[in-house]
Amino acid sequence: MFAYLNGKITKREPSLAVLDINGVGYELKISLQTYSIIQEGQPSKLFTYLSVTQDSQELFGFATESEKKMFLQLISVSGVGRNTALVMLSAMTVSELADAIINNQTSIIQKIKGIGKKTSERLVLDLRDKLAKEGFQLQDENGMSSALKEQASNALTSLGLSKLVADRTINAILKKYGTDLSLEELITYSLQEG
Protein backbone atom coordinates (compact mmCIF):
# COMPACT_ATOMS: atom_id res chain seq x y z
CA MET A 1 0.00 0.00 0.00
CA PHE A 2 2.74 2.47 1.01
CA ALA A 3 6.09 2.16 -0.79
CA TYR A 4 7.81 4.63 1.51
CA LEU A 5 7.13 7.51 3.89
CA ASN A 6 9.03 10.80 4.13
CA GLY A 7 8.95 12.70 7.39
CA LYS A 8 10.76 13.62 10.58
CA ILE A 9 11.76 11.01 13.16
CA THR A 10 10.18 12.09 16.45
CA LYS A 11 10.84 8.90 18.41
CA ARG A 12 13.55 6.31 17.94
CA GLU A 13 13.93 3.08 19.89
CA PRO A 14 15.80 -0.12 18.95
CA SER A 15 12.59 -1.80 17.77
CA LEU A 16 10.38 1.11 16.67
CA ALA A 17 10.37 4.60 15.26
CA VAL A 18 7.71 7.28 14.98
CA LEU A 19 7.75 9.24 11.73
CA ASP A 20 5.86 12.56 11.79
CA ILE A 21 4.29 13.50 8.46
CA ASN A 22 2.30 16.74 8.54
CA GLY A 23 1.31 16.27 12.17
CA VAL A 24 0.45 12.56 11.91
CA GLY A 25 2.80 10.18 13.71
CA TYR A 26 3.29 6.81 12.02
CA GLU A 27 4.65 4.11 14.32
CA LEU A 28 6.88 1.70 12.45
CA LYS A 29 8.56 -1.49 13.61
CA ILE A 30 12.22 -1.36 12.66
CA SER A 31 15.36 -3.50 12.77
CA LEU A 32 18.55 -2.59 14.60
CA GLN A 33 20.12 -1.91 11.19
CA THR A 34 17.54 0.80 10.50
CA TYR A 35 17.83 2.06 14.09
CA SER A 36 21.57 2.59 13.60
CA ILE A 37 20.98 4.67 10.45
CA ILE A 38 18.06 6.95 11.36
CA GLN A 39 18.43 9.90 13.75
CA GLU A 40 15.79 11.44 15.99
CA GLY A 41 14.78 14.93 14.92
CA GLN A 42 16.09 14.41 11.40
CA PRO A 43 14.09 14.10 8.16
CA SER A 44 14.05 10.50 6.96
CA LYS A 45 12.69 8.36 4.18
CA LEU A 46 11.64 4.91 5.32
CA PHE A 47 10.62 2.17 2.92
CA THR A 48 7.52 0.50 4.32
CA TYR A 49 5.57 -2.72 4.48
CA LEU A 50 2.02 -2.75 5.84
CA SER A 51 0.91 -6.01 7.45
CA VAL A 52 -2.83 -6.46 7.92
CA THR A 53 -4.17 -9.47 9.82
CA GLN A 54 -7.48 -10.21 11.55
CA ASP A 55 -6.04 -9.04 14.85
CA SER A 56 -3.78 -6.15 13.92
CA GLN A 57 -2.28 -3.73 11.46
CA GLU A 58 1.46 -3.20 11.68
CA LEU A 59 3.69 -0.90 9.69
CA PHE A 60 7.31 -1.92 9.19
CA GLY A 61 9.99 0.60 8.23
CA PHE A 62 13.36 0.11 6.55
CA ALA A 63 16.17 2.62 6.00
CA THR A 64 17.18 1.02 2.70
CA GLU A 65 15.22 -0.52 -0.13
CA SER A 66 17.48 -3.58 -0.05
CA GLU A 67 16.52 -4.22 3.58
CA LYS A 68 12.84 -4.08 2.64
CA LYS A 69 13.41 -6.46 -0.29
CA MET A 70 15.22 -8.92 1.98
CA PHE A 71 12.40 -8.66 4.54
CA LEU A 72 9.86 -9.56 1.83
CA GLN A 73 12.00 -12.50 0.73
CA LEU A 74 12.32 -13.76 4.31
CA ILE A 75 8.59 -13.62 5.09
CA SER A 76 7.86 -15.55 1.89
CA VAL A 77 9.50 -18.60 3.51
CA SER A 78 7.14 -20.92 5.37
CA GLY A 79 7.69 -20.66 9.11
CA VAL A 80 9.35 -17.23 9.00
CA GLY A 81 7.03 -14.55 10.30
CA ARG A 82 7.35 -10.79 10.23
CA ASN A 83 8.90 -10.52 13.68
CA THR A 84 11.37 -13.34 13.00
CA ALA A 85 12.41 -11.61 9.77
CA LEU A 86 12.96 -8.39 11.72
CA VAL A 87 15.10 -10.24 14.28
CA MET A 88 17.16 -11.69 11.42
CA LEU A 89 17.68 -8.24 9.91
CA SER A 90 18.67 -6.95 13.34
CA ALA A 91 21.25 -9.69 13.83
CA MET A 92 22.92 -9.43 10.41
CA THR A 93 23.28 -6.85 7.67
CA VAL A 94 21.48 -7.48 4.38
CA SER A 95 24.80 -8.36 2.74
CA GLU A 96 25.77 -10.82 5.47
CA LEU A 97 22.37 -12.49 5.39
CA ALA A 98 22.31 -12.73 1.59
CA ASP A 99 25.85 -14.12 1.55
CA ALA A 100 24.97 -16.72 4.21
CA ILE A 101 21.88 -17.83 2.29
CA ILE A 102 23.50 -17.89 -1.16
CA ASN A 103 26.60 -19.70 0.15
CA ASN A 104 24.58 -22.29 2.12
CA GLN A 105 26.03 -21.22 5.48
CA THR A 106 23.25 -22.57 7.68
CA SER A 107 25.48 -22.58 10.77
CA ILE A 108 25.79 -18.78 10.57
CA ILE A 109 22.03 -18.37 10.14
CA GLN A 110 21.38 -20.66 13.13
CA LYS A 111 23.25 -18.25 15.41
CA ILE A 112 20.30 -15.87 15.11
CA LYS A 113 17.92 -16.09 18.06
CA GLY A 114 14.86 -18.19 17.19
CA ILE A 115 16.35 -19.77 14.06
CA GLY A 116 16.95 -23.50 14.27
CA LYS A 117 18.43 -26.04 11.90
CA LYS A 118 15.21 -26.72 9.98
CA THR A 119 14.37 -23.05 9.48
CA SER A 120 17.90 -22.19 8.35
CA GLU A 121 17.85 -25.08 5.86
CA ARG A 122 14.42 -23.98 4.60
CA LEU A 123 15.69 -20.41 4.15
CA VAL A 124 18.62 -21.63 2.06
CA LEU A 125 16.47 -24.06 0.07
CA ASP A 126 13.75 -21.48 -0.69
CA LEU A 127 15.85 -18.34 -1.17
CA ARG A 128 19.28 -19.40 -2.41
CA ASP A 129 18.40 -19.64 -6.10
CA LYS A 130 15.86 -16.83 -5.86
CA LEU A 131 18.38 -14.33 -4.47
CA ALA A 132 21.07 -15.37 -6.95
CA LYS A 133 18.67 -15.52 -9.92
CA GLU A 134 17.14 -12.12 -9.24
CA GLY A 135 20.63 -10.68 -9.04
CA PHE A 136 19.81 -9.53 -5.53
CA GLN A 137 21.50 -6.15 -5.18
CA LEU A 138 23.70 -6.55 -2.15
CA GLN A 139 24.15 -3.30 -0.27
CA ASP A 140 26.00 -2.48 2.86
CA GLU A 141 24.53 -0.70 5.86
CA ASN A 142 25.02 2.65 4.11
CA GLY A 143 22.86 1.57 1.18
CA MET A 144 25.83 1.46 -1.22
CA SER A 145 26.07 -1.45 -3.63
CA SER A 146 28.75 -3.84 -2.37
CA ALA A 147 29.68 -4.57 -6.00
CA LEU A 148 30.31 -0.85 -6.61
CA LYS A 149 32.42 -0.58 -3.46
CA GLU A 150 34.37 -3.66 -4.51
CA GLN A 151 35.03 -2.19 -7.98
CA ALA A 152 36.26 1.05 -6.43
CA SER A 153 38.43 -0.87 -3.97
CA ASN A 154 39.94 -2.96 -6.78
CA ALA A 155 40.68 0.18 -8.79
CA LEU A 156 42.40 1.82 -5.82
CA THR A 157 44.46 -1.28 -5.02
CA SER A 158 45.56 -1.48 -8.66
CA LEU A 159 46.82 2.09 -8.24
CA GLY A 160 49.01 1.06 -5.32
CA LEU A 161 46.85 1.47 -2.21
CA SER A 162 46.59 -1.43 0.20
CA LYS A 163 43.19 -3.14 0.44
CA LEU A 164 42.77 -1.94 4.04
CA VAL A 165 43.57 1.69 3.19
CA ALA A 166 41.35 1.58 0.09
CA ASP A 167 38.37 0.23 2.04
CA ARG A 168 38.82 2.74 4.87
CA THR A 169 39.10 5.62 2.41
CA ILE A 170 35.98 4.49 0.52
CA ASN A 171 33.99 4.28 3.77
CA ALA A 172 35.18 7.76 4.78
CA ILE A 173 34.15 9.17 1.38
CA LEU A 174 30.70 7.56 1.65
CA LYS A 175 30.19 9.09 5.09
CA LYS A 176 31.33 12.49 3.84
CA TYR A 177 29.53 12.66 0.47
CA GLY A 178 26.70 10.10 0.80
CA THR A 179 25.96 7.00 -1.24
CA ASP A 180 24.67 8.60 -4.44
CA LEU A 181 28.12 8.62 -6.03
CA SER A 182 29.10 7.06 -9.32
CA LEU A 183 32.07 4.69 -9.49
CA GLU A 184 34.18 7.43 -11.08
CA GLU A 185 33.28 9.97 -8.37
CA LEU A 186 33.98 7.43 -5.63
CA ILE A 187 37.43 6.67 -7.05
CA THR A 188 38.26 10.36 -7.70
CA TYR A 189 37.27 11.49 -4.20
CA SER A 190 39.11 8.53 -2.68
CA LEU A 191 42.31 9.45 -4.53
CA GLN A 192 41.99 13.09 -3.44
CA GLU A 193 41.41 12.11 0.21
CA GLY A 194 43.87 9.20 0.30
C-alpha atoms as a PDB file:
ATOM      1  CA  MET A   1       0.000   0.000   0.000  1.00  0.00           C
ATOM      2  CA  PHE A   2       2.738   2.472   1.012  1.00  0.00           C
ATOM      3  CA  ALA A   3       6.086   2.155  -0.790  1.00  0.00           C
ATOM      4  CA  TYR A   4       7.809   4.634   1.513  1.00  0.00           C
ATOM      5  CA  LEU A   5       7.129   7.512   3.890  1.00  0.00           C
ATOM      6  CA  ASN A   6       9.034  10.802   4.126  1.00  0.00           C
ATOM      7  CA  GLY A   7       8.947  12.701   7.393  1.00  0.00           C
ATOM      8  CA  LYS A   8      10.757  13.619  10.580  1.00  0.00           C
ATOM      9  CA  ILE A   9      11.764  11.007  13.158  1.00  0.00           C
ATOM     10  CA  THR A  10      10.178  12.095  16.451  1.00  0.00           C
ATOM     11  CA  LYS A  11      10.839   8.903  18.408  1.00  0.00           C
ATOM     12  CA  ARG A  12      13.549   6.313  17.938  1.00  0.00           C
ATOM     13  CA  GLU A  13      13.932   3.080  19.894  1.00  0.00           C
ATOM     14  CA  PRO A  14      15.800  -0.122  18.952  1.00  0.00           C
ATOM     15  CA  SER A  15      12.591  -1.797  17.771  1.00  0.00           C
ATOM     16  CA  LEU A  16      10.385   1.105  16.675  1.00  0.00           C
ATOM     17  CA  ALA A  17      10.365   4.600  15.259  1.00  0.00           C
ATOM     18  CA  VAL A  18       7.706   7.280  14.979  1.00  0.00           C
ATOM     19  CA  LEU A  19       7.746   9.242  11.727  1.00  0.00           C
ATOM     20  CA  ASP A  20       5.860  12.563  11.792  1.00  0.00           C
ATOM     21  CA  ILE A  21       4.295  13.499   8.464  1.00  0.00           C
ATOM     22  CA  ASN A  22       2.296  16.738   8.540  1.00  0.00           C
ATOM     23  CA  GLY A  23       1.306  16.272  12.172  1.00  0.00           C
ATOM     24  CA  VAL A  24       0.446  12.564  11.911  1.00  0.00           C
ATOM     25  CA  GLY A  25       2.802  10.178  13.713  1.00  0.00           C
ATOM     26  CA  TYR A  26       3.286   6.815  12.025  1.00  0.00           C
ATOM     27  CA  GLU A  27       4.649   4.112  14.323  1.00  0.00           C
ATOM     28  CA  LEU A  28       6.883   1.695  12.453  1.00  0.00           C
ATOM     29  CA  LYS A  29       8.555  -1.493  13.614  1.00  0.00           C
ATOM     30  CA  ILE A  30      12.225  -1.356  12.656  1.00  0.00           C
ATOM     31  CA  SER A  31      15.363  -3.498  12.767  1.00  0.00           C
ATOM     32  CA  LEU A  32      18.552  -2.594  14.599  1.00  0.00           C
ATOM     33  CA  GLN A  33      20.122  -1.910  11.193  1.00  0.00           C
ATOM     34  CA  THR A  34      17.540   0.801  10.504  1.00  0.00           C
ATOM     35  CA  TYR A  35      17.831   2.063  14.091  1.00  0.00           C
ATOM     36  CA  SER A  36      21.566   2.591  13.605  1.00  0.00           C
ATOM     37  CA  ILE A  37      20.982   4.672  10.452  1.00  0.00           C
ATOM     38  CA  ILE A  38      18.064   6.954  11.362  1.00  0.00           C
ATOM     39  CA  GLN A  39      18.428   9.904  13.746  1.00  0.00           C
ATOM     40  CA  GLU A  40      15.789  11.437  15.994  1.00  0.00           C
ATOM     41  CA  GLY A  41      14.781  14.932  14.924  1.00  0.00           C
ATOM     42  CA  GLN A  42      16.086  14.408  11.398  1.00  0.00           C
ATOM     43  CA  PRO A  43      14.095  14.102   8.161  1.00  0.00           C
ATOM     44  CA  SER A  44      14.053  10.501   6.957  1.00  0.00           C
ATOM     45  CA  LYS A  45      12.692   8.363   4.175  1.00  0.00           C
ATOM     46  CA  LEU A  46      11.638   4.909   5.324  1.00  0.00           C
ATOM     47  CA  PHE A  47      10.615   2.170   2.922  1.00  0.00           C
ATOM     48  CA  THR A  48       7.516   0.497   4.320  1.00  0.00           C
ATOM     49  CA  TYR A  49       5.570  -2.724   4.479  1.00  0.00           C
ATOM     50  CA  LEU A  50       2.017  -2.755   5.835  1.00  0.00           C
ATOM     51  CA  SER A  51       0.914  -6.006   7.452  1.00  0.00           C
ATOM     52  CA  VAL A  52      -2.830  -6.461   7.920  1.00  0.00           C
ATOM     53  CA  THR A  53      -4.173  -9.472   9.824  1.00  0.00           C
ATOM     54  CA  GLN A  54      -7.477 -10.212  11.547  1.00  0.00           C
ATOM     55  CA  ASP A  55      -6.041  -9.043  14.852  1.00  0.00           C
ATOM     56  CA  SER A  56      -3.779  -6.151  13.922  1.00  0.00           C
ATOM     57  CA  GLN A  57      -2.275  -3.728  11.462  1.00  0.00           C
ATOM     58  CA  GLU A  58       1.465  -3.203  11.679  1.00  0.00           C
ATOM     59  CA  LEU A  59       3.692  -0.896   9.691  1.00  0.00           C
ATOM     60  CA  PHE A  60       7.314  -1.921   9.192  1.00  0.00           C
ATOM     61  CA  GLY A  61       9.990   0.604   8.235  1.00  0.00           C
ATOM     62  CA  PHE A  62      13.362   0.108   6.551  1.00  0.00           C
ATOM     63  CA  ALA A  63      16.169   2.616   6.005  1.00  0.00           C
ATOM     64  CA  THR A  64      17.178   1.017   2.699  1.00  0.00           C
ATOM     65  CA  GLU A  65      15.219  -0.521  -0.128  1.00  0.00           C
ATOM     66  CA  SER A  66      17.475  -3.580  -0.054  1.00  0.00           C
ATOM     67  CA  GLU A  67      16.519  -4.215   3.585  1.00  0.00           C
ATOM     68  CA  LYS A  68      12.839  -4.081   2.637  1.00  0.00           C
ATOM     69  CA  LYS A  69      13.415  -6.461  -0.287  1.00  0.00           C
ATOM     70  CA  MET A  70      15.224  -8.916   1.981  1.00  0.00           C
ATOM     71  CA  PHE A  71      12.401  -8.663   4.540  1.00  0.00           C
ATOM     72  CA  LEU A  72       9.857  -9.560   1.833  1.00  0.00           C
ATOM     73  CA  GLN A  73      11.995 -12.503   0.728  1.00  0.00           C
ATOM     74  CA  LEU A  74      12.323 -13.756   4.309  1.00  0.00           C
ATOM     75  CA  ILE A  75       8.595 -13.623   5.091  1.00  0.00           C
ATOM     76  CA  SER A  76       7.865 -15.549   1.887  1.00  0.00           C
ATOM     77  CA  VAL A  77       9.496 -18.598   3.506  1.00  0.00           C
ATOM     78  CA  SER A  78       7.136 -20.921   5.370  1.00  0.00           C
ATOM     79  CA  GLY A  79       7.691 -20.658   9.112  1.00  0.00           C
ATOM     80  CA  VAL A  80       9.348 -17.227   8.997  1.00  0.00           C
ATOM     81  CA  GLY A  81       7.034 -14.547  10.304  1.00  0.00           C
ATOM     82  CA  ARG A  82       7.353 -10.787  10.231  1.00  0.00           C
ATOM     83  CA  ASN A  83       8.897 -10.519  13.684  1.00  0.00           C
ATOM     84  CA  THR A  84      11.371 -13.335  12.997  1.00  0.00           C
ATOM     85  CA  ALA A  85      12.413 -11.609   9.768  1.00  0.00           C
ATOM     86  CA  LEU A  86      12.959  -8.386  11.719  1.00  0.00           C
ATOM     87  CA  VAL A  87      15.102 -10.241  14.276  1.00  0.00           C
ATOM     88  CA  MET A  88      17.160 -11.687  11.418  1.00  0.00           C
ATOM     89  CA  LEU A  89      17.681  -8.238   9.907  1.00  0.00           C
ATOM     90  CA  SER A  90      18.675  -6.948  13.343  1.00  0.00           C
ATOM     91  CA  ALA A  91      21.248  -9.695  13.826  1.00  0.00           C
ATOM     92  CA  MET A  92      22.917  -9.434  10.410  1.00  0.00           C
ATOM     93  CA  THR A  93      23.279  -6.854   7.665  1.00  0.00           C
ATOM     94  CA  VAL A  94      21.475  -7.482   4.384  1.00  0.00           C
ATOM     95  CA  SER A  95      24.797  -8.364   2.740  1.00  0.00           C
ATOM     96  CA  GLU A  96      25.775 -10.820   5.466  1.00  0.00           C
ATOM     97  CA  LEU A  97      22.374 -12.488   5.386  1.00  0.00           C
ATOM     98  CA  ALA A  98      22.310 -12.728   1.588  1.00  0.00           C
ATOM     99  CA  ASP A  99      25.849 -14.122   1.555  1.00  0.00           C
ATOM    100  CA  ALA A 100      24.973 -16.717   4.206  1.00  0.00           C
ATOM    101  CA  ILE A 101      21.877 -17.832   2.288  1.00  0.00           C
ATOM    102  CA  ILE A 102      23.499 -17.889  -1.159  1.00  0.00           C
ATOM    103  CA  ASN A 103      26.600 -19.699   0.147  1.00  0.00           C
ATOM    104  CA  ASN A 104      24.581 -22.289   2.119  1.00  0.00           C
ATOM    105  CA  GLN A 105      26.030 -21.217   5.481  1.00  0.00           C
ATOM    106  CA  THR A 106      23.249 -22.567   7.678  1.00  0.00           C
ATOM    107  CA  SER A 107      25.480 -22.585  10.769  1.00  0.00           C
ATOM    108  CA  ILE A 108      25.790 -18.784  10.570  1.00  0.00           C
ATOM    109  CA  ILE A 109      22.027 -18.368  10.138  1.00  0.00           C
ATOM    110  CA  GLN A 110      21.378 -20.660  13.128  1.00  0.00           C
ATOM    111  CA  LYS A 111      23.255 -18.254  15.410  1.00  0.00           C
ATOM    112  CA  ILE A 112      20.304 -15.868  15.108  1.00  0.00           C
ATOM    113  CA  LYS A 113      17.917 -16.092  18.056  1.00  0.00           C
ATOM    114  CA  GLY A 114      14.859 -18.194  17.186  1.00  0.00           C
ATOM    115  CA  ILE A 115      16.349 -19.774  14.055  1.00  0.00           C
ATOM    116  CA  GLY A 116      16.948 -23.498  14.268  1.00  0.00           C
ATOM    117  CA  LYS A 117      18.435 -26.036  11.903  1.00  0.00           C
ATOM    118  CA  LYS A 118      15.211 -26.719   9.984  1.00  0.00           C
ATOM    119  CA  THR A 119      14.374 -23.051   9.483  1.00  0.00           C
ATOM    120  CA  SER A 120      17.902 -22.193   8.351  1.00  0.00           C
ATOM    121  CA  GLU A 121      17.845 -25.076   5.864  1.00  0.00           C
ATOM    122  CA  ARG A 122      14.424 -23.981   4.597  1.00  0.00           C
ATOM    123  CA  LEU A 123      15.690 -20.413   4.151  1.00  0.00           C
ATOM    124  CA  VAL A 124      18.623 -21.635   2.065  1.00  0.00           C
ATOM    125  CA  LEU A 125      16.466 -24.056   0.073  1.00  0.00           C
ATOM    126  CA  ASP A 126      13.754 -21.479  -0.690  1.00  0.00           C
ATOM    127  CA  LEU A 127      15.850 -18.339  -1.171  1.00  0.00           C
ATOM    128  CA  ARG A 128      19.282 -19.401  -2.411  1.00  0.00           C
ATOM    129  CA  ASP A 129      18.399 -19.637  -6.095  1.00  0.00           C
ATOM    130  CA  LYS A 130      15.861 -16.830  -5.865  1.00  0.00           C
ATOM    131  CA  LEU A 131      18.382 -14.332  -4.475  1.00  0.00           C
ATOM    132  CA  ALA A 132      21.067 -15.369  -6.952  1.00  0.00           C
ATOM    133  CA  LYS A 133      18.668 -15.522  -9.924  1.00  0.00           C
ATOM    134  CA  GLU A 134      17.141 -12.118  -9.240  1.00  0.00           C
ATOM    135  CA  GLY A 135      20.629 -10.675  -9.035  1.00  0.00           C
ATOM    136  CA  PHE A 136      19.813  -9.532  -5.530  1.00  0.00           C
ATOM    137  CA  GLN A 137      21.502  -6.152  -5.181  1.00  0.00           C
ATOM    138  CA  LEU A 138      23.697  -6.555  -2.153  1.00  0.00           C
ATOM    139  CA  GLN A 139      24.152  -3.304  -0.275  1.00  0.00           C
ATOM    140  CA  ASP A 140      26.003  -2.485   2.861  1.00  0.00           C
ATOM    141  CA  GLU A 141      24.528  -0.701   5.856  1.00  0.00           C
ATOM    142  CA  ASN A 142      25.018   2.654   4.108  1.00  0.00           C
ATOM    143  CA  GLY A 143      22.856   1.573   1.177  1.00  0.00           C
ATOM    144  CA  MET A 144      25.829   1.462  -1.220  1.00  0.00           C
ATOM    145  CA  SER A 145      26.070  -1.446  -3.630  1.00  0.00           C
ATOM    146  CA  SER A 146      28.745  -3.838  -2.374  1.00  0.00           C
ATOM    147  CA  ALA A 147      29.678  -4.569  -6.005  1.00  0.00           C
ATOM    148  CA  LEU A 148      30.310  -0.846  -6.607  1.00  0.00           C
ATOM    149  CA  LYS A 149      32.416  -0.580  -3.456  1.00  0.00           C
ATOM    150  CA  GLU A 150      34.368  -3.665  -4.514  1.00  0.00           C
ATOM    151  CA  GLN A 151      35.028  -2.194  -7.979  1.00  0.00           C
ATOM    152  CA  ALA A 152      36.259   1.046  -6.429  1.00  0.00           C
ATOM    153  CA  SER A 153      38.433  -0.868  -3.969  1.00  0.00           C
ATOM    154  CA  ASN A 154      39.944  -2.964  -6.775  1.00  0.00           C
ATOM    155  CA  ALA A 155      40.680   0.181  -8.790  1.00  0.00           C
ATOM    156  CA  LEU A 156      42.399   1.823  -5.823  1.00  0.00           C
ATOM    157  CA  THR A 157      44.465  -1.276  -5.020  1.00  0.00           C
ATOM    158  CA  SER A 158      45.563  -1.485  -8.658  1.00  0.00           C
ATOM    159  CA  LEU A 159      46.819   2.092  -8.244  1.00  0.00           C
ATOM    160  CA  GLY A 160      49.008   1.062  -5.316  1.00  0.00           C
ATOM    161  CA  LEU A 161      46.847   1.471  -2.207  1.00  0.00           C
ATOM    162  CA  SER A 162      46.593  -1.433   0.198  1.00  0.00           C
ATOM    163  CA  LYS A 163      43.187  -3.144   0.442  1.00  0.00           C
ATOM    164  CA  LEU A 164      42.768  -1.942   4.039  1.00  0.00           C
ATOM    165  CA  VAL A 165      43.573   1.693   3.193  1.00  0.00           C
ATOM    166  CA  ALA A 166      41.353   1.583   0.087  1.00  0.00           C
ATOM    167  CA  ASP A 167      38.366   0.234   2.044  1.00  0.00           C
ATOM    168  CA  ARG A 168      38.821   2.743   4.873  1.00  0.00           C
ATOM    169  CA  THR A 169      39.099   5.618   2.408  1.00  0.00           C
ATOM    170  CA  ILE A 170      35.979   4.492   0.523  1.00  0.00           C
ATOM    171  CA  ASN A 171      33.988   4.278   3.769  1.00  0.00           C
ATOM    172  CA  ALA A 172      35.179   7.757   4.782  1.00  0.00           C
ATOM    173  CA  ILE A 173      34.147   9.166   1.384  1.00  0.00           C
ATOM    174  CA  LEU A 174      30.701   7.563   1.652  1.00  0.00           C
ATOM    175  CA  LYS A 175      30.187   9.090   5.093  1.00  0.00           C
ATOM    176  CA  LYS A 176      31.330  12.492   3.842  1.00  0.00           C
ATOM    177  CA  TYR A 177      29.531  12.657   0.475  1.00  0.00           C
ATOM    178  CA  GLY A 178      26.704  10.099   0.804  1.00  0.00           C
ATOM    179  CA  THR A 179      25.960   6.995  -1.245  1.00  0.00           C
ATOM    180  CA  ASP A 180      24.670   8.595  -4.445  1.00  0.00           C
ATOM    181  CA  LEU A 181      28.117   8.623  -6.030  1.00  0.00           C
ATOM    182  CA  SER A 182      29.099   7.057  -9.324  1.00  0.00           C
ATOM    183  CA  LEU A 183      32.066   4.692  -9.491  1.00  0.00           C
ATOM    184  CA  GLU A 184      34.177   7.430 -11.084  1.00  0.00           C
ATOM    185  CA  GLU A 185      33.284   9.969  -8.368  1.00  0.00           C
ATOM    186  CA  LEU A 186      33.975   7.434  -5.629  1.00  0.00           C
ATOM    187  CA  ILE A 187      37.431   6.674  -7.053  1.00  0.00           C
ATOM    188  CA  THR A 188      38.259  10.358  -7.700  1.00  0.00           C
ATOM    189  CA  TYR A 189      37.270  11.489  -4.202  1.00  0.00           C
ATOM    190  CA  SER A 190      39.112   8.531  -2.678  1.00  0.00           C
ATOM    191  CA  LEU A 191      42.308   9.448  -4.531  1.00  0.00           C
ATOM    192  CA  GLN A 192      41.991  13.086  -3.439  1.00  0.00           C
ATOM    193  CA  GLU A 193      41.411  12.115   0.213  1.00  0.00           C
ATOM    194  CA  GLY A 194      43.868   9.202   0.295  1.00  0.00           C
END
